[in-house]
């Protein structure tokens, strides 16, 4: 059993120049934004939400990507607005954001 209600992994992988990767799309900055926002909302900590960096999640065609556990829901996102929507709708209200979801 996980110590967190939601455990979120952001691919922040950086590949060699010229290769597609999540970090080329601002993944590290958006992961930091998510982490800061979760702290500001006081949703961080045991029994709540954990935001982590991950190496390559092997979903580069959809990048940038993140996955939310325990549901195993994968998202692609473009900007801070998308991250805020995932936080507000999925992590706070428990409703996946269908428009950003990937299979």
PDB file of N, CA and C in Angstrom:
ATOM      1  N   UNK A   1       0.847  -1.182   0.000  1.00  0.00           N
ATOM      2  CA  UNK A   1       0.000   0.000   0.000  1.00  0.00           C
ATOM      3  C   UNK A   1       0.894   1.247   0.000  1.00  0.00           C
ATOM      4  N   UNK A   2       0.531   2.199  -0.836  1.00  0.00           N
ATOM      5  CA  UNK A   2       1.299   3.440  -0.967  1.00  0.00           C
ATOM      6  C   UNK A   2       1.062   4.363   0.227  1.00  0.00           C
ATOM      7  N   UNK A   3       2.099   5.077   0.652  1.00  0.00           N
ATOM      8  CA  UNK A   3       1.904   6.050   1.726  1.00  0.00           C
ATOM      9  C   UNK A   3       1.246   7.341   1.227  1.00  0.00           C
ATOM     10  N   UNK A   4       0.947   7.416  -0.090  1.00  0.00           N
ATOM     11  CA  UNK A   4       0.355   8.624  -0.673  1.00  0.00           C
ATOM     12  C   UNK A   4      -0.984   8.320  -1.329  1.00  0.00           C
ATOM     13  N   UNK A   5      -1.890   9.255  -1.261  1.00  0.00           N
ATOM     14  CA  UNK A   5      -3.160   9.127  -1.973  1.00  0.00           C
ATOM     15  C   UNK A   5      -2.904   9.155  -3.474  1.00  0.00           C
ATOM     16  N   UNK A   6      -2.033  10.074  -3.907  1.00  0.00           N
ATOM     17  CA  UNK A   6      -1.629  10.168  -5.301  1.00  0.00           C
ATOM     18  C   UNK A   6      -0.115  10.322  -5.349  1.00  0.00           C
ATOM     19  N   UNK A   7       0.521   9.552  -6.207  1.00  0.00           N
ATOM     20  CA  UNK A   7       1.965   9.659  -6.432  1.00  0.00           C
ATOM     21  C   UNK A   7       2.136   9.975  -7.909  1.00  0.00           C
ATOM     22  N   UNK A   8       2.699  11.145  -8.196  1.00  0.00           N
ATOM     23  CA  UNK A   8       2.775  11.662  -9.563  1.00  0.00           C
ATOM     24  C   UNK A   8       4.230  11.668 -10.026  1.00  0.00           C
ATOM     25  N   UNK A   9       4.455  11.079 -11.196  1.00  0.00           N
ATOM     26  CA  UNK A   9       5.791  11.035 -11.778  1.00  0.00           C
ATOM     27  C   UNK A   9       5.806  11.814 -13.092  1.00  0.00           C
ATOM     28  N   UNK A  10       6.695  12.801 -13.162  1.00  0.00           N
ATOM     29  CA  UNK A  10       6.918  13.590 -14.367  1.00  0.00           C
ATOM     30  C   UNK A  10       8.170  13.073 -15.045  1.00  0.00           C
ATOM     31  N   UNK A  11       8.064  12.704 -16.322  1.00  0.00           N
ATOM     32  CA  UNK A  11       9.268  12.378 -17.076  1.00  0.00           C
ATOM     33  C   UNK A  11      10.042  13.675 -17.261  1.00  0.00           C
ATOM     34  N   UNK A  12      11.279  13.704 -16.799  1.00  0.00           N
ATOM     35  CA  UNK A  12      12.150  14.870 -16.977  1.00  0.00           C
ATOM     36  C   UNK A  12      13.427  14.449 -17.701  1.00  0.00           C
ATOM     37  N   UNK A  13      13.319  13.380 -18.462  1.00  0.00           N
ATOM     38  CA  UNK A  13      14.477  12.847 -19.169  1.00  0.00           C
ATOM     39  C   UNK A  13      15.020  13.846 -20.186  1.00  0.00           C
ATOM     40  N   UNK A  14      16.350  13.922 -20.257  1.00  0.00           N
ATOM     41  CA  UNK A  14      17.028  14.763 -21.240  1.00  0.00           C
ATOM     42  C   UNK A  14      17.844  13.864 -22.149  1.00  0.00           C
ATOM     43  N   UNK A  15      17.505  13.829 -23.424  1.00  0.00           N
ATOM     44  CA  UNK A  15      18.242  13.023 -24.402  1.00  0.00           C
ATOM     45  C   UNK A  15      19.263  13.893 -25.117  1.00  0.00           C
ATOM     46  N   UNK A  16      20.106  13.249 -25.899  1.00  0.00           N
ATOM     47  CA  UNK A  16      21.113  13.964 -26.686  1.00  0.00           C
ATOM     48  C   UNK A  16      20.458  14.981 -27.602  1.00  0.00           C
ATOM     49  N   UNK A  17      21.203  15.994 -27.955  1.00  0.00           N
ATOM     50  CA  UNK A  17      20.710  17.056 -28.836  1.00  0.00           C
ATOM     51  C   UNK A  17      20.078  16.466 -30.095  1.00  0.00           C
ATOM     52  N   UNK A  18      18.936  17.010 -30.452  1.00  0.00           N
ATOM     53  CA  UNK A  18      18.247  16.561 -31.652  1.00  0.00           C
ATOM     54  C   UNK A  18      17.238  15.459 -31.429  1.00  0.00           C
ATOM     55  N   UNK A  19      17.268  14.804 -30.286  1.00  0.00           N
ATOM     56  CA  UNK A  19      16.319  13.738 -29.984  1.00  0.00           C
ATOM     57  C   UNK A  19      15.149  14.288 -29.185  1.00  0.00           C
ATOM     58  N   UNK A  20      13.939  13.831 -29.525  1.00  0.00           N
ATOM     59  CA  UNK A  20      12.758  14.249 -28.777  1.00  0.00           C
ATOM     60  C   UNK A  20      12.840  13.741 -27.342  1.00  0.00           C
ATOM     61  N   UNK A  21      12.449  14.594 -26.409  1.00  0.00           N
ATOM     62  CA  UNK A  21      12.375  14.180 -25.014  1.00  0.00           C
ATOM     63  C   UNK A  21      11.504  15.167 -24.250  1.00  0.00           C
ATOM     64  N   UNK A  22      10.995  14.724 -23.127  1.00  0.00           N
ATOM     65  CA  UNK A  22      10.086  15.552 -22.325  1.00  0.00           C
ATOM     66  C   UNK A  22      10.757  16.817 -21.813  1.00  0.00           C
ATOM     67  N   UNK A  23      12.005  16.728 -21.434  1.00  0.00           N
ATOM     68  CA  UNK A  23      12.662  17.896 -20.858  1.00  0.00           C
ATOM     69  C   UNK A  23      12.832  19.026 -21.875  1.00  0.00           C
ATOM     70  N   UNK A  24      12.909  18.693 -23.167  1.00  0.00           N
ATOM     71  CA  UNK A  24      12.972  19.728 -24.197  1.00  0.00           C
ATOM     72  C   UNK A  24      11.675  20.525 -24.277  1.00  0.00           C
ATOM     73  N   UNK A  25      10.626  20.008 -23.680  1.00  0.00           N
ATOM     74  CA  UNK A  25       9.311  20.667 -23.687  1.00  0.00           C
ATOM     75  C   UNK A  25       9.005  21.341 -22.351  1.00  0.00           C
ATOM     76  N   UNK A  26      10.018  21.544 -21.527  1.00  0.00           N
ATOM     77  CA  UNK A  26       9.830  22.244 -20.259  1.00  0.00           C
ATOM     78  C   UNK A  26       9.365  21.394 -19.096  1.00  0.00           C
ATOM     79  N   UNK A  27       9.565  20.084 -19.176  1.00  0.00           N
ATOM     80  CA  UNK A  27       9.072  19.180 -18.140  1.00  0.00           C
ATOM     81  C   UNK A  27       9.628  19.487 -16.749  1.00  0.00           C
ATOM     82  N   UNK A  28      10.906  19.821 -16.644  1.00  0.00           N
ATOM     83  CA  UNK A  28      11.492  20.081 -15.316  1.00  0.00           C
ATOM     84  C   UNK A  28      10.851  21.300 -14.657  1.00  0.00           C
ATOM     85  N   UNK A  29      10.654  22.355 -15.431  1.00  0.00           N
ATOM     86  CA  UNK A  29      10.030  23.568 -14.881  1.00  0.00           C
ATOM     87  C   UNK A  29       8.579  23.303 -14.486  1.00  0.00           C
ATOM     88  N   UNK A  30       7.865  22.523 -15.282  1.00  0.00           N
ATOM     89  CA  UNK A  30       6.469  22.244 -14.961  1.00  0.00           C
ATOM     90  C   UNK A  30       6.339  21.269 -13.789  1.00  0.00           C
ATOM     91  N   UNK A  31       7.296  20.369 -13.642  1.00  0.00           N
ATOM     92  CA  UNK A  31       7.309  19.493 -12.458  1.00  0.00           C
ATOM     93  C   UNK A  31       7.533  20.336 -11.213  1.00  0.00           C
ATOM     94  N   UNK A  32       8.452  21.287 -11.281  1.00  0.00           N
ATOM     95  CA  UNK A  32       8.714  22.173 -10.135  1.00  0.00           C
ATOM     96  C   UNK A  32       7.481  23.007  -9.812  1.00  0.00           C
ATOM     97  N   UNK A  33       6.794  23.480 -10.830  1.00  0.00           N
ATOM     98  CA  UNK A  33       5.549  24.240 -10.609  1.00  0.00           C
ATOM     99  C   UNK A  33       4.520  23.368  -9.880  1.00  0.00           C
ATOM    100  N   UNK A  34       4.346  22.122 -10.351  1.00  0.00           N
ATOM    101  CA  UNK A  34       3.385  21.220  -9.714  1.00  0.00           C
ATOM    102  C   UNK A  34       3.743  20.982  -8.250  1.00  0.00           C
ATOM    103  N   UNK A  35       5.010  20.751  -7.993  1.00  0.00           N
ATOM    104  CA  UNK A  35       5.462  20.513  -6.618  1.00  0.00           C
ATOM    105  C   UNK A  35       5.181  21.728  -5.729  1.00  0.00           C
ATOM    106  N   UNK A  36       5.509  22.920  -6.241  1.00  0.00           N
ATOM    107  CA  UNK A  36       5.255  24.148  -5.483  1.00  0.00           C
ATOM    108  C   UNK A  36       3.764  24.373  -5.254  1.00  0.00           C
ATOM    109  N   UNK A  37       2.949  24.109  -6.262  1.00  0.00           N
ATOM    110  CA  UNK A  37       1.503  24.318  -6.134  1.00  0.00           C
ATOM    111  C   UNK A  37       0.893  23.350  -5.134  1.00  0.00           C
ATOM    112  N   UNK A  38       1.333  22.100  -5.158  1.00  0.00           N
ATOM    113  CA  UNK A  38       0.833  21.105  -4.199  1.00  0.00           C
ATOM    114  C   UNK A  38       1.192  21.539  -2.773  1.00  0.00           C
ATOM    115  N   UNK A  39       2.405  22.055  -2.583  1.00  0.00           N
ATOM    116  CA  UNK A  39       2.806  22.553  -1.262  1.00  0.00           C
ATOM    117  C   UNK A  39       1.963  23.754  -0.855  1.00  0.00           C
ATOM    118  N   UNK A  40       1.723  24.669  -1.785  1.00  0.00           N
ATOM    119  CA  UNK A  40       0.922  25.862  -1.491  1.00  0.00           C
ATOM    120  C   UNK A  40      -0.503  25.488  -1.098  1.00  0.00           C
ATOM    121  N   UNK A  41      -1.025  24.438  -1.693  1.00  0.00           N
ATOM    122  CA  UNK A  41      -2.373  23.963  -1.369  1.00  0.00           C
ATOM    123  C   UNK A  41      -2.392  23.079  -0.123  1.00  0.00           C
ATOM    124  N   UNK A  42      -1.210  22.837   0.441  1.00  0.00           N
ATOM    125  CA  UNK A  42      -1.047  21.970   1.622  1.00  0.00           C
ATOM    126  C   UNK A  42      -1.543  20.549   1.372  1.00  0.00           C
ATOM    127  N   UNK A  43      -1.263  20.085   0.165  1.00  0.00           N
ATOM    128  CA  UNK A  43      -1.645  18.727  -0.215  1.00  0.00           C
ATOM    129  C   UNK A  43      -0.468  17.775  -0.225  1.00  0.00           C
ATOM    130  N   UNK A  44       0.706  18.249   0.180  1.00  0.00           N
ATOM    131  CA  UNK A  44       1.905  17.405   0.177  1.00  0.00           C
ATOM    132  C   UNK A  44       2.041  16.644   1.487  1.00  0.00           C
ATOM    133  N   UNK A  45       2.726  15.517   1.404  1.00  0.00           N
ATOM    134  CA  UNK A  45       3.020  14.746   2.604  1.00  0.00           C
ATOM    135  C   UNK A  45       2.311  13.409   2.624  1.00  0.00           C
ATOM    136  N   UNK A  46       2.635  12.644   3.640  1.00  0.00           N
ATOM    137  CA  UNK A  46       2.085  11.304   3.774  1.00  0.00           C
ATOM    138  C   UNK A  46       0.565  11.340   3.806  1.00  0.00           C
ATOM    139  N   UNK A  47      -0.029  10.418   3.058  1.00  0.00           N
ATOM    140  CA  UNK A  47      -1.478  10.342   2.973  1.00  0.00           C
ATOM    141  C   UNK A  47      -2.073  11.339   1.988  1.00  0.00           C
ATOM    142  N   UNK A  48      -1.207  12.135   1.361  1.00  0.00           N
ATOM    143  CA  UNK A  48      -1.682  13.165   0.435  1.00  0.00           C
ATOM    144  C   UNK A  48      -1.059  12.948  -0.934  1.00  0.00           C
ATOM    145  N   UNK A  49      -0.358  13.954  -1.453  1.00  0.00           N
ATOM    146  CA  UNK A  49       0.185  13.905  -2.811  1.00  0.00           C
ATOM    147  C   UNK A  49       1.703  14.029  -2.778  1.00  0.00           C
ATOM    148  N   UNK A  50       2.354  13.241  -3.612  1.00  0.00           N
ATOM    149  CA  UNK A  50       3.804  13.312  -3.788  1.00  0.00           C
ATOM    150  C   UNK A  50       4.084  13.559  -5.270  1.00  0.00           C
ATOM    151  N   UNK A  51       4.879  14.584  -5.563  1.00  0.00           N
ATOM    152  CA  UNK A  51       5.279  14.912  -6.927  1.00  0.00           C
ATOM    153  C   UNK A  51       6.750  14.552  -7.079  1.00  0.00           C
ATOM    154  N   UNK A  52       7.067  13.690  -8.063  1.00  0.00           N
ATOM    155  CA  UNK A  52       8.434  13.241  -8.280  1.00  0.00           C
ATOM    156  C   UNK A  52       8.871  13.425  -9.728  1.00  0.00           C
ATOM    157  N   UNK A  53      10.195  13.546  -9.897  1.00  0.00           N
ATOM    158  CA  UNK A  53      10.815  13.483 -11.213  1.00  0.00           C
ATOM    159  C   UNK A  53      11.055  12.015 -11.524  1.00  0.00           C
ATOM    160  N   UNK A  54      11.021  11.697 -12.804  1.00  0.00           N
ATOM    161  CA  UNK A  54      11.348  10.346 -13.239  1.00  0.00           C
ATOM    162  C   UNK A  54      12.267  10.442 -14.443  1.00  0.00           C
ATOM    163  N   UNK A  55      13.021   9.399 -14.655  1.00  0.00           N
ATOM    164  CA  UNK A  55      13.789   9.296 -15.891  1.00  0.00           C
ATOM    165  C   UNK A  55      12.832   8.986 -17.022  1.00  0.00           C
ATOM    166  N   UNK A  56      13.327   8.474 -18.089  1.00  0.00           N
ATOM    167  CA  UNK A  56      12.507   8.209 -19.265  1.00  0.00           C
ATOM    168  C   UNK A  56      11.367   7.243 -18.923  1.00  0.00           C
ATOM    169  N   UNK A  57      10.151   7.662 -19.264  1.00  0.00           N
ATOM    170  CA  UNK A  57       8.971   6.820 -19.081  1.00  0.00           C
ATOM    171  C   UNK A  57       8.577   6.141 -20.391  1.00  0.00           C
ATOM    172  N   UNK A  58       9.408   6.331 -21.424  1.00  0.00           N
ATOM    173  CA  UNK A  58       9.256   5.669 -22.719  1.00  0.00           C
ATOM    174  C   UNK A  58       7.926   5.969 -23.401  1.00  0.00           C
ATOM    175  N   UNK A  59       7.463   7.202 -23.252  1.00  0.00           N
ATOM    176  CA  UNK A  59       6.242   7.659 -23.943  1.00  0.00           C
ATOM    177  C   UNK A  59       6.551   8.942 -24.715  1.00  0.00           C
ATOM    178  N   UNK A  60       7.737   9.014 -25.298  1.00  0.00           N
ATOM    179  CA  UNK A  60       8.244  10.227 -25.945  1.00  0.00           C
ATOM    180  C   UNK A  60       7.326  10.761 -27.035  1.00  0.00           C
ATOM    181  N   UNK A  61       6.616   9.885 -27.729  1.00  0.00           N
ATOM    182  CA  UNK A  61       5.728  10.327 -28.799  1.00  0.00           C
ATOM    183  C   UNK A  61       4.608  11.230 -28.285  1.00  0.00           C
ATOM    184  N   UNK A  62       4.294  11.146 -26.998  1.00  0.00           N
ATOM    185  CA  UNK A  62       3.230  11.940 -26.396  1.00  0.00           C
ATOM    186  C   UNK A  62       3.761  13.125 -25.604  1.00  0.00           C
ATOM    187  N   UNK A  63       5.073  13.220 -25.441  1.00  0.00           N
ATOM    188  CA  UNK A  63       5.721  14.137 -24.523  1.00  0.00           C
ATOM    189  C   UNK A  63       5.276  15.577 -24.601  1.00  0.00           C
ATOM    190  N   UNK A  64       5.399  16.277 -23.498  1.00  0.00           N
ATOM    191  CA  UNK A  64       5.828  15.758 -22.206  1.00  0.00           C
ATOM    192  C   UNK A  64       4.710  14.975 -21.515  1.00  0.00           C
ATOM    193  N   UNK A  65       5.114  14.018 -20.680  1.00  0.00           N
ATOM    194  CA  UNK A  65       4.141  13.136 -20.034  1.00  0.00           C
ATOM    195  C   UNK A  65       4.363  13.061 -18.527  1.00  0.00           C
ATOM    196  N   UNK A  66       3.273  12.660 -17.872  1.00  0.00           N
ATOM    197  CA  UNK A  66       3.297  12.368 -16.442  1.00  0.00           C
ATOM    198  C   UNK A  66       2.322  11.223 -16.199  1.00  0.00           C
ATOM    199  N   UNK A  67       2.505  10.528 -15.067  1.00  0.00           N
ATOM    200  CA  UNK A  67       1.595   9.447 -14.716  1.00  0.00           C
ATOM    201  C   UNK A  67       1.216   9.601 -13.254  1.00  0.00           C
ATOM    202  N   UNK A  68      -0.062   9.355 -12.962  1.00  0.00           N
ATOM    203  CA  UNK A  68      -0.598   9.479 -11.608  1.00  0.00           C
ATOM    204  C   UNK A  68      -0.960   8.095 -11.096  1.00  0.00           C
ATOM    205  N   UNK A  69      -0.353   7.717  -9.972  1.00  0.00           N
ATOM    206  CA  UNK A  69      -0.664   6.453  -9.307  1.00  0.00           C
ATOM    207  C   UNK A  69      -1.408   6.735  -8.020  1.00  0.00           C
ATOM    208  N   UNK A  70      -2.255   5.850  -7.538  1.00  0.00           N
ATOM    209  CA  UNK A  70      -2.334   4.438  -7.896  1.00  0.00           C
ATOM    210  C   UNK A  70      -3.207   4.147  -9.118  1.00  0.00           C
ATOM    211  N   UNK A  71      -3.874   5.155  -9.672  1.00  0.00           N
ATOM    212  CA  UNK A  71      -4.778   4.916 -10.797  1.00  0.00           C
ATOM    213  C   UNK A  71      -4.063   4.473 -12.067  1.00  0.00           C
ATOM    214  N   UNK A  72      -2.794   4.871 -12.229  1.00  0.00           N
ATOM    215  CA  UNK A  72      -2.068   4.561 -13.448  1.00  0.00           C
ATOM    216  C   UNK A  72      -2.582   5.366 -14.628  1.00  0.00           C
ATOM    217  N   UNK A  73      -2.986   6.595 -14.380  1.00  0.00           N
ATOM    218  CA  UNK A  73      -3.509   7.463 -15.441  1.00  0.00           C
ATOM    219  C   UNK A  73      -2.374   8.305 -16.000  1.00  0.00           C
ATOM    220  N   UNK A  74      -2.203   8.213 -17.310  1.00  0.00           N
ATOM    221  CA  UNK A  74      -1.157   8.932 -18.019  1.00  0.00           C
ATOM    222  C   UNK A  74      -1.725  10.198 -18.635  1.00  0.00           C
ATOM    223  N   UNK A  75      -0.927  11.267 -18.541  1.00  0.00           N
ATOM    224  CA  UNK A  75      -1.314  12.543 -19.138  1.00  0.00           C
ATOM    225  C   UNK A  75      -0.190  13.085 -19.998  1.00  0.00           C
ATOM    226  N   UNK A  76      -0.579  13.801 -21.060  1.00  0.00           N
ATOM    227  CA  UNK A  76       0.342  14.672 -21.760  1.00  0.00           C
ATOM    228  C   UNK A  76      -0.126  16.086 -21.443  1.00  0.00           C
ATOM    229  N   UNK A  77       0.788  17.012 -21.442  1.00  0.00           N
ATOM    230  CA  UNK A  77       0.451  18.389 -21.096  1.00  0.00           C
ATOM    231  C   UNK A  77       1.308  19.315 -21.944  1.00  0.00           C
ATOM    232  N   UNK A  78       0.890  20.577 -21.990  1.00  0.00           N
ATOM    233  CA  UNK A  78       1.611  21.550 -22.792  1.00  0.00           C
ATOM    234  C   UNK A  78       2.194  22.657 -21.934  1.00  0.00           C
ATOM    235  N   UNK A  79       1.424  23.095 -20.942  1.00  0.00           N
ATOM    236  CA  UNK A  79       1.838  24.272 -20.194  1.00  0.00           C
ATOM    237  C   UNK A  79       1.319  24.229 -18.757  1.00  0.00           C
ATOM    238  N   UNK A  80       1.568  25.300 -18.045  1.00  0.00           N
ATOM    239  CA  UNK A  80       1.184  25.415 -16.634  1.00  0.00           C
ATOM    240  C   UNK A  80      -0.328  25.316 -16.460  1.00  0.00           C
ATOM    241  N   UNK A  81      -1.085  25.807 -17.409  1.00  0.00           N
ATOM    242  CA  UNK A  81      -2.548  25.728 -17.333  1.00  0.00           C
ATOM    243  C   UNK A  81      -2.999  24.272 -17.294  1.00  0.00           C
ATOM    244  N   UNK A  82      -2.378  23.416 -18.120  1.00  0.00           N
ATOM    245  CA  UNK A  82      -2.710  21.993 -18.113  1.00  0.00           C
ATOM    246  C   UNK A  82      -2.362  21.358 -16.770  1.00  0.00           C
ATOM    247  N   UNK A  83      -1.207  21.700 -16.225  1.00  0.00           N
ATOM    248  CA  UNK A  83      -0.795  21.144 -14.928  1.00  0.00           C
ATOM    249  C   UNK A  83      -1.779  21.560 -13.841  1.00  0.00           C
ATOM    250  N   UNK A  84      -2.157  22.830 -13.839  1.00  0.00           N
ATOM    251  CA  UNK A  84      -3.116  23.310 -12.839  1.00  0.00           C
ATOM    252  C   UNK A  84      -4.459  22.596 -12.964  1.00  0.00           C
ATOM    253  N   UNK A  85      -4.886  22.329 -14.193  1.00  0.00           N
ATOM    254  CA  UNK A  85      -6.146  21.615 -14.400  1.00  0.00           C
ATOM    255  C   UNK A  85      -6.052  20.186 -13.857  1.00  0.00           C
ATOM    256  N   UNK A  86      -4.934  19.521 -14.087  1.00  0.00           N
ATOM    257  CA  UNK A  86      -4.746  18.165 -13.554  1.00  0.00           C
ATOM    258  C   UNK A  86      -4.750  18.189 -12.032  1.00  0.00           C
ATOM    259  N   UNK A  87      -4.088  19.162 -11.443  1.00  0.00           N
ATOM    260  CA  UNK A  87      -4.077  19.274  -9.984  1.00  0.00           C
ATOM    261  C   UNK A  87      -5.487  19.524  -9.468  1.00  0.00           C
ATOM    262  N   UNK A  88      -6.160  20.532 -10.019  1.00  0.00           N
ATOM    263  CA  UNK A  88      -7.485  20.916  -9.520  1.00  0.00           C
ATOM    264  C   UNK A  88      -8.536  19.831  -9.722  1.00  0.00           C
ATOM    265  N   UNK A  89      -8.539  19.236 -10.894  1.00  0.00           N
ATOM    266  CA  UNK A  89      -9.591  18.282 -11.215  1.00  0.00           C
ATOM    267  C   UNK A  89      -9.279  16.868 -10.745  1.00  0.00           C
ATOM    268  N   UNK A  90      -8.054  16.383 -10.997  1.00  0.00           N
ATOM    269  CA  UNK A  90      -7.744  14.994 -10.655  1.00  0.00           C
ATOM    270  C   UNK A  90      -7.254  14.852  -9.212  1.00  0.00           C
ATOM    271  N   UNK A  91      -6.222  15.608  -8.863  1.00  0.00           N
ATOM    272  CA  UNK A  91      -5.624  15.407  -7.536  1.00  0.00           C
ATOM    273  C   UNK A  91      -6.480  15.954  -6.408  1.00  0.00           C
ATOM    274  N   UNK A  92      -7.244  16.999  -6.657  1.00  0.00           N
ATOM    275  CA  UNK A  92      -8.114  17.565  -5.612  1.00  0.00           C
ATOM    276  C   UNK A  92      -9.503  16.930  -5.649  1.00  0.00           C
ATOM    277  N   UNK A  93     -10.127  16.891  -6.831  1.00  0.00           N
ATOM    278  CA  UNK A  93     -11.515  16.420  -6.937  1.00  0.00           C
ATOM    279  C   UNK A  93     -11.653  14.937  -7.268  1.00  0.00           C
ATOM    280  N   UNK A  94     -10.544  14.297  -7.675  1.00  0.00           N
ATOM    281  CA  UNK A  94     -10.594  12.876  -7.974  1.00  0.00           C
ATOM    282  C   UNK A  94     -11.185  12.532  -9.330  1.00  0.00           C
ATOM    283  N   UNK A  95     -11.263  13.507 -10.233  1.00  0.00           N
ATOM    284  CA  UNK A  95     -11.841  13.291 -11.560  1.00  0.00           C
ATOM    285  C   UNK A  95     -10.743  13.443 -12.619  1.00  0.00           C
ATOM    286  N   UNK A  96     -10.413  12.388 -13.339  1.00  0.00           N
ATOM    287  CA  UNK A  96      -9.383  12.501 -14.387  1.00  0.00           C
ATOM    288  C   UNK A  96      -9.735  13.563 -15.423  1.00  0.00           C
ATOM    289  N   UNK A  97      -8.712  14.161 -16.004  1.00  0.00           N
ATOM    290  CA  UNK A  97      -8.875  15.179 -17.041  1.00  0.00           C
ATOM    291  C   UNK A  97      -8.815  14.453 -18.385  1.00  0.00           C
ATOM    292  N   UNK A  98      -9.972  14.158 -18.918  1.00  0.00           N
ATOM    293  CA  UNK A  98     -10.062  13.322 -20.122  1.00  0.00           C
ATOM    294  C   UNK A  98      -9.363  13.932 -21.332  1.00  0.00           C
ATOM    295  N   UNK A  99      -9.402  15.255 -21.493  1.00  0.00           N
ATOM    296  CA  UNK A  99      -8.819  15.870 -22.681  1.00  0.00           C
ATOM    297  C   UNK A  99      -7.287  15.752 -22.721  1.00  0.00           C
ATOM    298  N   UNK A 100      -6.651  15.513 -21.571  1.00  0.00           N
ATOM    299  CA  UNK A 100      -5.196  15.384 -21.500  1.00  0.00           C
ATOM    300  C   UNK A 100      -4.728  13.946 -21.329  1.00  0.00           C
ATOM    301  N   UNK A 101      -5.660  13.049 -21.153  1.00  0.00           N
ATOM    302  CA  UNK A 101      -5.351  11.646 -20.871  1.00  0.00           C
ATOM    303  C   UNK A 101      -4.843  10.936 -22.131  1.00  0.00           C
ATOM    304  N   UNK A 102      -3.845  10.066 -21.941  1.00  0.00           N
ATOM    305  CA  UNK A 102      -3.359   9.216 -23.019  1.00  0.00           C
ATOM    306  C   UNK A 102      -3.466   7.762 -22.595  1.00  0.00           C
ATOM    307  N   UNK A 103      -3.594   6.891 -23.573  1.00  0.00           N
ATOM    308  CA  UNK A 103      -3.745   5.459 -23.275  1.00  0.00           C
ATOM    309  C   UNK A 103      -2.401   4.823 -23.054  1.00  0.00           C
TER     310      UNK A 103
END
